[in-house]
Protein backbone atom coordinates (compact mmCIF):
# COMPACT_ATOMS: atom_id res chain seq x y z
CA MET A 1 9.04 5.73 19.81
CA VAL A 2 6.55 6.93 17.17
CA ALA A 3 4.50 9.90 18.33
CA THR A 4 0.76 10.08 17.71
CA ILE A 5 -1.20 13.18 16.73
CA ALA A 6 -5.00 13.18 17.00
CA ILE A 7 -7.21 15.64 15.11
CA VAL A 8 -10.35 16.51 17.09
CA GLY A 9 -13.18 18.97 16.77
CA ARG A 10 -16.91 19.21 16.18
CA PRO A 11 -18.43 17.91 12.92
CA ASN A 12 -17.78 19.55 9.56
CA VAL A 13 -14.87 21.81 10.54
CA GLY A 14 -12.42 20.20 8.07
CA LYS A 15 -10.72 17.49 10.16
CA SER A 16 -10.66 14.91 7.35
CA THR A 17 -9.46 17.52 4.87
CA LEU A 18 -6.57 18.31 7.21
CA PHE A 19 -5.91 14.59 7.68
CA ASN A 20 -5.64 14.06 3.91
CA ARG A 21 -3.44 17.15 3.56
CA MET A 22 -0.98 15.99 6.23
CA ILE A 23 -0.61 12.40 4.98
CA GLY A 24 -0.31 13.59 1.38
CA HIS A 25 -3.15 11.65 -0.27
CA ARG A 26 -6.95 11.35 -0.18
CA LYS A 27 -7.65 8.57 2.28
CA ALA A 28 -10.52 9.94 4.36
CA ILE A 29 -13.87 10.73 2.75
CA VAL A 30 -14.50 14.48 2.61
CA HIS A 31 -18.03 15.86 2.24
CA ASP A 32 -20.00 18.91 3.31
CA ARG A 33 -22.41 16.75 5.29
CA PRO A 34 -21.56 16.62 9.02
CA GLY A 35 -20.80 13.25 10.56
CA VAL A 36 -19.28 11.46 7.55
CA THR A 37 -16.22 10.42 9.57
CA ARG A 38 -17.18 8.15 12.47
CA ASP A 39 -14.33 5.73 13.11
CA ARG A 40 -10.77 6.49 14.07
CA ASN A 41 -8.76 6.62 10.85
CA TYR A 42 -5.00 6.04 11.16
CA ASP A 43 -2.10 6.68 8.83
CA THR A 44 1.59 7.53 9.00
CA PHE A 45 3.50 10.43 7.47
CA THR A 46 6.92 12.00 7.81
CA TRP A 47 7.68 15.57 8.77
CA ASP A 48 11.20 16.88 9.15
CA ASN A 49 12.55 13.30 8.73
CA ARG A 50 10.39 12.10 11.59
CA LEU A 51 7.81 9.32 11.36
CA LEU A 52 4.47 10.28 12.93
CA VAL A 53 1.10 8.58 13.36
CA LEU A 54 -1.94 10.69 12.54
CA VAL A 55 -5.47 9.91 13.74
CA ASP A 56 -8.60 11.37 12.18
CA THR A 57 -11.65 11.25 14.44
CA GLY A 58 -15.38 11.69 14.06
CA GLY A 59 -17.09 14.93 14.92
CA PHE A 60 -16.91 15.51 18.66
CA GLU A 61 -20.42 15.85 20.09
CA PRO A 62 -20.16 16.54 23.86
CA GLU A 63 -23.79 15.54 24.30
CA GLY A 64 -25.99 12.86 22.72
CA GLU A 65 -26.64 9.14 23.00
CA GLY A 66 -26.77 6.22 20.59
CA LEU A 67 -24.54 6.67 17.58
CA LEU A 68 -23.35 10.09 18.79
CA GLY A 69 -22.33 8.55 22.10
CA ALA A 70 -20.42 5.78 20.31
CA MET A 71 -18.63 8.36 18.15
CA ARG A 72 -17.77 10.36 21.28
CA ALA A 73 -16.23 7.23 22.84
CA GLN A 74 -14.05 6.81 19.74
CA VAL A 75 -12.82 10.40 20.06
CA HIS A 76 -11.97 9.87 23.75
CA ALA A 77 -10.01 6.73 22.84
CA ALA A 78 -8.01 8.70 20.28
CA MET A 79 -7.32 11.43 22.85
CA ASP A 80 -6.08 8.88 25.37
CA GLU A 81 -3.49 7.38 22.99
CA ALA A 82 -2.33 10.66 21.41
CA ASP A 83 0.74 12.67 22.42
CA VAL A 84 -0.61 15.93 20.98
CA LEU A 85 -4.14 17.01 20.10
CA VAL A 86 -4.93 19.32 17.17
CA PHE A 87 -8.20 21.05 18.01
CA VAL A 88 -9.77 22.19 14.72
CA LEU A 89 -12.31 25.03 14.64
CA ASP A 90 -14.16 26.79 11.83
CA ARG A 91 -13.43 30.44 11.06
CA LYS A 92 -16.63 30.85 9.03
CA THR A 93 -19.04 29.75 11.77
CA GLY A 94 -17.01 31.32 14.56
CA LEU A 95 -16.88 30.07 18.13
CA THR A 96 -19.97 27.94 18.90
CA PRO A 97 -21.33 26.41 22.13
CA PRO A 98 -20.26 22.87 21.02
CA ASP A 99 -16.73 24.23 20.53
CA GLN A 100 -16.74 25.61 24.07
CA LEU A 101 -18.01 22.33 25.53
CA ALA A 102 -15.33 20.41 23.60
CA ALA A 103 -12.69 22.85 24.85
CA GLU A 104 -13.72 22.21 28.46
CA ILE A 105 -13.17 18.49 27.97
CA LEU A 106 -9.84 19.02 26.21
CA ARG A 107 -8.57 21.19 29.07
CA THR A 108 -9.00 18.26 31.48
CA CYS A 109 -7.38 15.56 29.31
CA GLY A 110 -3.81 16.42 30.36
CA LYS A 111 -2.47 16.47 26.77
CA PRO A 112 -0.94 19.37 24.84
CA VAL A 113 -3.60 21.02 22.65
CA ILE A 114 -2.78 23.00 19.51
CA MET A 115 -5.69 25.10 18.32
CA ALA A 116 -6.07 25.37 14.52
CA VAL A 117 -8.73 27.63 13.04
CA ASN A 118 -9.56 26.25 9.62
CA LYS A 119 -10.91 27.91 6.46
CA VAL A 120 -8.63 30.93 6.80
CA ASP A 121 -8.08 31.05 3.04
CA HIS A 122 -6.68 34.60 2.86
CA PRO A 123 -4.55 36.78 5.18
CA VAL A 124 -7.42 39.25 5.58
CA HIS A 125 -9.40 36.52 7.41
CA GLU A 126 -6.81 36.35 10.19
CA ASP A 127 -8.37 39.41 11.80
CA GLU A 128 -11.40 37.27 12.65
CA LEU A 129 -9.51 34.94 15.02
CA GLY A 130 -9.67 37.15 18.12
CA GLU A 131 -12.64 35.36 19.72
CA PHE A 132 -10.78 32.02 19.72
CA TRP A 133 -8.21 33.34 22.23
CA THR A 134 -10.92 33.05 24.89
CA LEU A 135 -10.66 29.23 24.84
CA GLY A 136 -7.34 29.43 26.66
CA PHE A 137 -5.18 27.31 24.32
CA GLY A 138 -2.82 30.08 23.36
CA GLU A 139 -2.38 31.44 19.86
CA PRO A 140 -4.96 30.26 17.30
CA ARG A 141 -3.10 28.86 14.29
CA ALA A 142 -4.60 30.16 11.04
CA LEU A 143 -5.08 27.26 8.66
CA SER A 144 -6.55 26.40 5.30
CA ALA A 145 -6.58 22.62 5.15
CA GLU A 146 -8.00 22.65 1.64
CA HIS A 147 -5.15 24.73 0.22
CA GLY A 148 -2.36 23.81 2.68
CA ARG A 149 -1.98 27.37 3.96
CA GLY A 150 -0.58 27.53 7.50
CA LEU A 151 0.28 23.83 7.66
CA HIS A 152 4.00 24.44 8.22
CA GLY A 153 3.36 26.71 11.21
CA LEU A 154 0.88 24.21 12.67
CA MET A 155 3.41 21.37 12.44
CA GLU A 156 6.14 23.49 14.05
CA ALA A 157 3.82 24.04 17.02
CA VAL A 158 3.00 20.31 17.16
CA LEU A 159 6.66 19.23 17.07
CA GLU A 160 7.49 21.55 19.98
CA HIS A 161 5.30 19.38 22.22
CA LEU A 162 6.58 15.99 21.05
CA PRO A 163 9.36 14.13 22.88
CA ASP A 164 12.79 14.27 21.28
CA VAL A 165 13.72 11.04 19.47
CA GLU A 166 16.16 10.02 16.79
CA PRO A 167 14.80 10.53 13.25
CA GLU A 168 13.26 7.38 11.85
CA GLU A 169 12.96 6.12 8.32
CA PRO A 170 9.40 6.00 7.01
CA PHE A 171 7.70 2.63 7.03
CA GLU A 172 8.46 0.78 3.82
CA VAL A 173 5.59 0.21 1.46
CA ASN A 174 4.91 -3.44 0.75
CA ALA A 175 5.63 -4.93 -2.63
CA PRO A 176 2.58 -4.23 -4.80
CA LEU A 177 0.27 -6.93 -6.05
CA ALA A 178 0.29 -7.78 -9.74
CA PRO A 179 -1.94 -5.16 -11.41
CA GLU A 180 -4.79 -6.16 -13.64
CA GLY A 181 -3.80 -6.42 -17.28
CA ALA A 182 -0.08 -6.43 -16.53
CA ASP A 183 2.27 -8.26 -18.86
CA GLU A 184 2.36 -11.84 -17.61
CA ASP A 185 5.93 -12.32 -18.86
CA ALA A 186 7.26 -9.26 -16.98
CA PRO A 187 9.47 -9.78 -13.93
CA GLU A 188 7.34 -10.14 -10.83
CA VAL A 189 7.78 -8.93 -7.29
CA ASP A 190 9.50 -10.91 -4.59
CA PRO A 191 7.06 -13.73 -3.72
CA ASN A 192 8.17 -13.97 -0.09
CA THR A 193 5.69 -13.16 2.64
CA PRO A 194 5.21 -9.38 2.84
CA ARG A 195 6.05 -7.41 5.93
CA GLU A 196 2.36 -6.66 6.20
CA LEU A 197 -0.45 -9.02 5.21
CA ARG A 198 -3.41 -6.91 4.09
CA VAL A 199 -6.90 -8.29 4.70
CA ALA A 200 -10.20 -6.61 3.72
CA ILE A 201 -13.45 -7.39 5.53
CA LEU A 202 -16.24 -7.27 2.94
CA GLY A 203 -19.98 -7.72 3.27
CA ARG A 204 -23.42 -6.17 3.21
CA PRO A 205 -24.38 -3.44 5.71
CA ASN A 206 -24.94 -4.39 9.36
CA ILE A 207 -23.40 -7.83 8.96
CA GLY A 208 -20.86 -7.45 11.80
CA LYS A 209 -17.71 -6.33 9.95
CA SER A 210 -16.65 -3.73 12.52
CA THR A 211 -17.41 -6.13 15.38
CA LEU A 212 -15.13 -8.70 13.75
CA ALA A 213 -12.38 -6.11 13.20
CA ASN A 214 -12.49 -5.21 16.89
CA ARG A 215 -12.43 -8.91 17.81
CA LEU A 216 -9.31 -9.52 15.73
CA LEU A 217 -7.63 -6.38 17.08
CA GLY A 218 -8.50 -7.17 20.69
CA GLU A 219 -9.84 -3.65 21.30
CA ASP A 220 -12.84 -1.49 20.39
CA ARG A 221 -11.06 0.54 17.74
CA HIS A 222 -13.91 0.49 15.19
CA LEU A 223 -17.28 2.07 15.81
CA VAL A 224 -20.04 -0.51 16.28
CA HIS A 225 -23.74 0.34 16.25
CA ASP A 226 -27.01 -1.36 15.32
CA ALA A 227 -27.75 1.23 12.63
CA PRO A 228 -26.85 -0.03 9.13
CA GLY A 229 -24.18 2.05 7.40
CA THR A 230 -22.35 3.01 10.59
CA THR A 231 -18.98 2.56 8.85
CA MET A 232 -18.77 5.15 6.08
CA ASP A 233 -15.12 4.86 5.12
CA ALA A 234 -12.51 2.13 4.77
CA VAL A 235 -10.59 2.09 8.05
CA ASP A 236 -7.13 0.51 8.31
CA SER A 237 -5.87 -1.02 11.54
CA ASN A 238 -2.41 -2.49 12.10
CA PHE A 239 -1.46 -5.16 14.61
CA GLU A 240 0.78 -8.20 15.02
CA ALA A 241 -0.31 -11.79 15.65
CA HIS A 242 1.09 -15.28 14.99
CA GLY A 243 4.46 -13.78 14.16
CA GLN A 244 3.05 -11.72 11.28
CA ALA A 245 2.25 -8.03 10.81
CA TRP A 246 -1.35 -7.49 9.70
CA ARG A 247 -3.40 -4.66 8.25
CA ILE A 248 -7.11 -5.24 8.70
CA VAL A 249 -9.32 -2.96 6.56
CA ASP A 250 -12.91 -2.53 7.72
CA THR A 251 -15.01 -1.45 4.74
CA ALA A 252 -18.40 0.17 4.34
CA GLY A 253 -21.30 -2.21 3.80
CA ILE A 254 -22.04 -2.59 0.09
CA ARG A 255 -25.67 -2.61 -0.99
CA ARG A 256 -27.09 -3.19 -4.45
CA LYS A 257 -26.37 -0.28 -6.78
CA ALA A 258 -30.07 0.36 -7.32
CA ARG A 259 -30.51 1.00 -3.59
CA ILE A 260 -27.67 3.50 -3.31
CA ASP A 261 -29.31 6.90 -3.58
CA ASP A 262 -26.84 8.81 -1.45
CA LYS A 263 -23.70 10.40 -2.89
CA VAL A 264 -21.64 9.78 0.25
CA GLU A 265 -22.66 6.13 0.39
CA GLY A 266 -21.82 5.73 -3.29
CA PHE A 267 -18.37 7.17 -2.69
CA ALA A 268 -17.89 4.91 0.34
CA VAL A 269 -18.84 1.86 -1.73
CA SER A 270 -16.39 2.78 -4.49
CA ARG A 271 -13.71 3.21 -1.81
CA ALA A 272 -14.52 -0.25 -0.43
CA ILE A 273 -14.14 -1.76 -3.90
CA ARG A 274 -10.74 -0.11 -4.32
CA VAL A 275 -9.70 -1.58 -0.97
CA ILE A 276 -10.02 -5.06 -2.50
CA GLU A 277 -7.38 -4.14 -5.06
CA ARG A 278 -4.79 -3.17 -2.46
CA CYS A 279 -5.33 -6.16 -0.17
CA HIS A 280 -4.05 -9.70 -0.46
CA MET A 281 -7.15 -11.34 0.94
CA VAL A 282 -10.88 -10.80 1.43
CA LEU A 283 -12.88 -12.02 4.43
CA LEU A 284 -16.36 -12.29 2.91
CA MET A 285 -18.88 -12.05 5.75
CA LEU A 286 -22.30 -13.62 5.35
CA ASP A 287 -25.29 -13.77 7.67
CA GLY A 288 -25.57 -17.38 8.81
CA THR A 289 -29.20 -16.89 9.86
CA GLN A 290 -30.39 -16.53 6.25
CA PRO A 291 -29.47 -17.89 2.80
CA PRO A 292 -26.83 -15.97 0.78
CA SER A 293 -28.28 -13.19 -1.32
CA THR A 294 -27.59 -12.12 -4.88
CA GLN A 295 -25.61 -9.20 -3.48
CA ASP A 296 -23.38 -11.62 -1.55
CA ALA A 297 -22.63 -13.39 -4.84
CA ARG A 298 -21.78 -10.06 -6.46
CA LEU A 299 -19.35 -9.26 -3.66
CA ALA A 300 -17.71 -12.65 -4.09
CA ASN A 301 -17.33 -11.93 -7.80
CA LEU A 302 -15.64 -8.62 -7.01
CA ALA A 303 -12.93 -10.42 -5.06
CA VAL A 304 -12.50 -13.22 -7.62
CA GLU A 305 -12.36 -10.88 -10.61
CA ARG A 306 -9.60 -8.90 -8.92
CA GLY A 307 -7.67 -12.07 -8.18
CA ARG A 308 -7.80 -11.96 -4.39
CA SER A 309 -7.84 -14.92 -2.06
CA VAL A 310 -11.11 -15.40 -0.17
CA ILE A 311 -12.25 -16.85 3.15
CA VAL A 312 -16.03 -17.08 3.66
CA LEU A 313 -17.19 -16.29 7.20
CA LEU A 314 -20.67 -17.39 8.29
CA ASN A 315 -21.41 -14.91 11.08
CA ARG A 316 -24.03 -15.04 13.86
CA TRP A 317 -23.60 -18.78 14.25
CA ASP A 318 -24.45 -18.39 17.93
CA ILE A 319 -28.00 -17.49 16.80
CA VAL A 320 -28.16 -20.29 14.22
CA ARG A 321 -27.25 -23.15 16.54
CA PRO A 322 -30.64 -23.22 18.37
CA MET A 323 -32.51 -23.16 15.01
CA PRO A 324 -33.74 -26.68 14.19
CA GLU A 325 -34.27 -25.86 10.51
CA ARG A 326 -30.70 -24.60 9.95
CA ASN A 327 -27.43 -26.46 10.38
CA ALA A 328 -24.06 -26.74 8.68
CA LEU A 329 -25.36 -29.17 6.03
CA VAL A 330 -28.20 -26.83 5.04
CA VAL A 331 -25.85 -23.85 4.89
CA GLU A 332 -23.27 -25.76 2.85
CA ASP A 333 -25.95 -26.67 0.32
CA GLU A 334 -27.01 -23.00 0.10
CA LEU A 335 -23.42 -21.93 -0.44
CA GLN A 336 -22.93 -24.51 -3.20
CA GLN A 337 -25.93 -23.10 -5.05
CA ALA A 338 -25.15 -19.42 -4.45
CA PHE A 339 -21.37 -19.61 -5.04
CA PRO A 340 -20.63 -22.35 -7.58
CA HIS A 341 -17.56 -20.35 -8.61
CA LEU A 342 -16.27 -20.19 -5.01
CA THR A 343 -16.12 -23.84 -3.99
CA TRP A 344 -12.37 -23.49 -3.36
CA ALA A 345 -12.84 -20.87 -0.60
CA PRO A 346 -12.70 -22.23 2.98
CA ARG A 347 -15.73 -21.58 5.20
CA LEU A 348 -15.57 -20.73 8.88
CA TYR A 349 -18.59 -20.59 11.19
CA ILE A 350 -18.14 -17.76 13.66
CA SER A 351 -19.81 -15.30 15.98
CA ALA A 352 -18.08 -11.93 15.88
CA LEU A 353 -20.14 -10.82 18.87
CA THR A 354 -19.22 -13.68 21.22
CA GLY A 355 -15.87 -14.56 19.63
CA LYS A 356 -16.94 -18.12 18.81
CA GLY A 357 -14.64 -19.52 16.10
CA CYS A 358 -12.82 -16.21 15.55
CA HIS A 359 -9.53 -17.66 16.84
CA ARG A 360 -9.34 -19.76 13.66
CA ILE A 361 -9.49 -16.83 11.23
CA LEU A 362 -5.88 -15.60 11.33
CA PRO A 363 -4.26 -19.09 11.24
CA LYS A 364 -6.48 -19.97 8.28
CA ALA A 365 -5.55 -16.66 6.62
CA LEU A 366 -1.86 -17.57 6.88
CA GLU A 367 -2.56 -20.96 5.29
CA VAL A 368 -4.54 -19.36 2.47
CA PHE A 369 -1.87 -16.75 1.82
CA GLU A 370 0.72 -19.52 1.51
CA GLN A 371 -1.41 -21.02 -1.29
CA PHE A 372 -2.02 -17.58 -2.79
CA ASN A 373 1.76 -17.13 -2.95
CA ARG A 374 2.59 -20.71 -4.04
CA ARG A 375 4.64 -21.62 -7.11
CA ILE A 376 4.67 -24.98 -8.90
CA SER A 377 7.78 -25.97 -10.86
CA THR A 378 7.52 -26.20 -14.63
CA PRO A 379 8.60 -29.89 -14.79
CA ASP A 380 5.82 -30.84 -12.34
CA LEU A 381 3.25 -28.91 -14.33
CA ASN A 382 4.26 -30.53 -17.60
CA ARG A 383 4.09 -34.01 -16.09
CA LEU A 384 0.55 -33.15 -15.02
CA LEU A 385 -0.14 -31.80 -18.52
CA ARG A 386 0.79 -35.14 -20.09
CA GLU A 387 -1.65 -36.88 -17.74
CA ILE A 388 -4.38 -34.37 -18.65
CA GLU A 389 -3.89 -34.94 -22.37
CA HIS A 390 -4.03 -38.70 -21.89
CA ILE A 391 -7.26 -38.64 -19.86
CA ASN A 392 -9.07 -35.76 -21.60
CA PRO A 393 -7.26 -34.33 -24.66
CA PRO A 394 -8.15 -30.84 -25.94
CA PRO A 395 -11.05 -30.65 -28.42
CA GLN A 396 -10.33 -30.40 -32.12
CA ARG A 397 -10.69 -27.19 -34.05
CA HIS A 398 -11.84 -27.44 -37.67
CA ASN A 399 -10.98 -31.14 -37.62
CA HIS A 400 -7.42 -30.35 -36.59
CA PRO A 401 -6.10 -31.44 -33.18
CA VAL A 402 -5.19 -28.78 -30.63
CA ARG A 403 -1.83 -29.64 -29.10
CA ILE A 404 -0.59 -28.12 -25.84
CA HIS A 405 3.19 -28.01 -26.10
CA TYR A 406 4.00 -27.01 -22.53
CA CYS A 407 2.78 -24.98 -19.57
CA THR A 408 4.41 -22.90 -16.86
CA GLN A 409 3.40 -20.75 -13.92
CA ILE A 410 4.05 -17.12 -14.74
CA ARG A 411 2.81 -15.37 -11.60
CA VAL A 412 1.76 -15.68 -8.00
CA ARG A 413 -0.81 -13.60 -6.09
CA PRO A 414 -2.91 -15.09 -7.67
CA PRO A 415 -1.29 -18.20 -9.17
CA THR A 416 -1.37 -17.73 -12.95
CA PHE A 417 -0.57 -20.43 -15.50
CA ALA A 418 0.23 -20.10 -19.21
CA PHE A 419 -0.47 -22.95 -21.64
CA TYR A 420 1.30 -22.68 -25.00
CA CYS A 421 -0.42 -24.45 -27.86
CA ASN A 422 -0.66 -24.53 -31.64
CA SER A 423 -4.20 -23.10 -31.76
CA PRO A 424 -5.26 -20.89 -28.83
CA GLU A 425 -8.63 -20.24 -30.49
CA GLY A 426 -9.51 -23.89 -30.05
CA MET A 427 -9.16 -23.77 -26.27
CA LYS A 428 -12.69 -22.82 -25.25
CA THR A 429 -13.80 -21.72 -21.78
CA PRO A 430 -14.97 -25.19 -20.58
CA TYR A 431 -11.57 -26.74 -21.30
CA ARG A 432 -9.75 -23.82 -19.67
CA ARG A 433 -11.90 -24.37 -16.60
CA TYR A 434 -11.05 -28.06 -16.73
CA LEU A 435 -7.33 -27.24 -16.77
CA ALA A 436 -7.68 -24.96 -13.74
CA ASN A 437 -9.76 -27.52 -11.81
CA THR A 438 -7.26 -30.28 -12.55
CA ILE A 439 -4.39 -28.14 -11.27
CA ARG A 440 -6.41 -27.40 -8.15
CA ASP A 441 -7.23 -31.08 -7.63
CA ARG A 442 -3.54 -31.96 -7.77
CA TYR A 443 -1.98 -29.09 -5.84
CA GLY A 444 -4.75 -27.69 -3.62
CA PHE A 445 -4.60 -23.89 -3.81
CA GLU A 446 -7.23 -23.56 -1.10
CA GLY A 447 -8.71 -20.11 -0.84
CA THR A 448 -7.13 -18.64 -3.97
CA PRO A 449 -8.46 -18.16 -7.51
CA LEU A 450 -6.43 -19.57 -10.39
CA ARG A 451 -5.92 -17.89 -13.72
CA VAL A 452 -5.26 -19.74 -16.96
CA HIS A 453 -3.87 -18.01 -20.07
CA ILE A 454 -3.73 -19.73 -23.44
CA LYS A 455 -0.95 -18.52 -25.71
CA ALA A 456 0.38 -19.39 -29.12
CA LYS A 457 3.66 -21.25 -29.09
CA ARG A 458 6.52 -19.01 -30.08
CA LYS A 459 8.25 -19.98 -33.25
CA SER A 460 11.95 -19.97 -33.80
CA GLY A 461 13.16 -16.41 -34.36
CA ASP A 462 10.08 -14.72 -32.84
CA GLN A 463 10.74 -11.83 -30.51
CA PRO A 464 9.69 -12.55 -26.89
């Protein structure tokens, strides 16, 4: 059994800083502005050879409706599933009325509560903790989440309230994807299906990404609200379905750079872009009620440039169906014009709100990943190459023929092919595109970009 620890407290007391400190890396966005964290943010870490799940929560506002009420519901959900609660307070502001209201709720939840007073950066500040005894949670634990001071004592108190279990090995990290610019001839990772298939949900703000994440998870784990920009950070969620372990990453909505005038939003967007690089696949969400925008095309380019497989999701199809002027043929024509470079990506028409068509997403993702991870044998590729040269030979360069000697697949994730020829400079972009399209016509590769490298044929005695 893996125990769960939830970090709770009012806004801007340092919960995300403590979360990052405990897991050992900067995952949650940290900023002086209150309310940056809104969703439940999960991660695992080991302490004393024990695997633990840590949950970062949004600022706990005992009162308030709308977005504040939705955030409060997320905090209550985290409290319900946690084994121990770490109640974080702020030494600099002292005990406030919102802290006292939060304490009243925590006293009735029936879970062990460890009180941690943050921003105690020096031993002389410990004399200021007397007022926190009045909350009735026992000894206030002096803590500096930013510097790590007092973390060991806090974890000792937490472990005292956790059930005794055998020590567990930490969860193994999946084999990494091929990094950009890596040597194509280097040994690659095991191409078998990973223990965890990582999928990023990408799209513009207020497009329904969090609603879709909740639909796939089967629970309201991600905060959903009508206000654009509700999701500020990339939030990972793990689950199992169709015999496969999944990690769904809900990202912040990405607007055009010119419209981003907020430092926190800019940081959230950069975090969303980095999420693409650590995932196998991107679910690109579009609004089916309107034509794709230039920003949608930019997001598609982000995924393609980073070599990730893509599934295009046309959301809000329940609203589109009654529209006489819009149907699948009209939308397909719009997609052809907006995404000429993404014709290989499958399209699914869904409604994240009602669940219409969402049952097809995960099976299609498994099919796409199989293509993303597919390898074609060298003899098959060279037989295809001979056909290509017979139908459409390479163009000449300076009145000299360009000869392709052989080709081979050098990587998967994404499938990458190397063509060795006598004059790489003569293989211009149109012919490279022709080679990739011909491979796709023969072997499929639905949902995955293909990369084509042109290399000079090695001569006898050359070093590899």
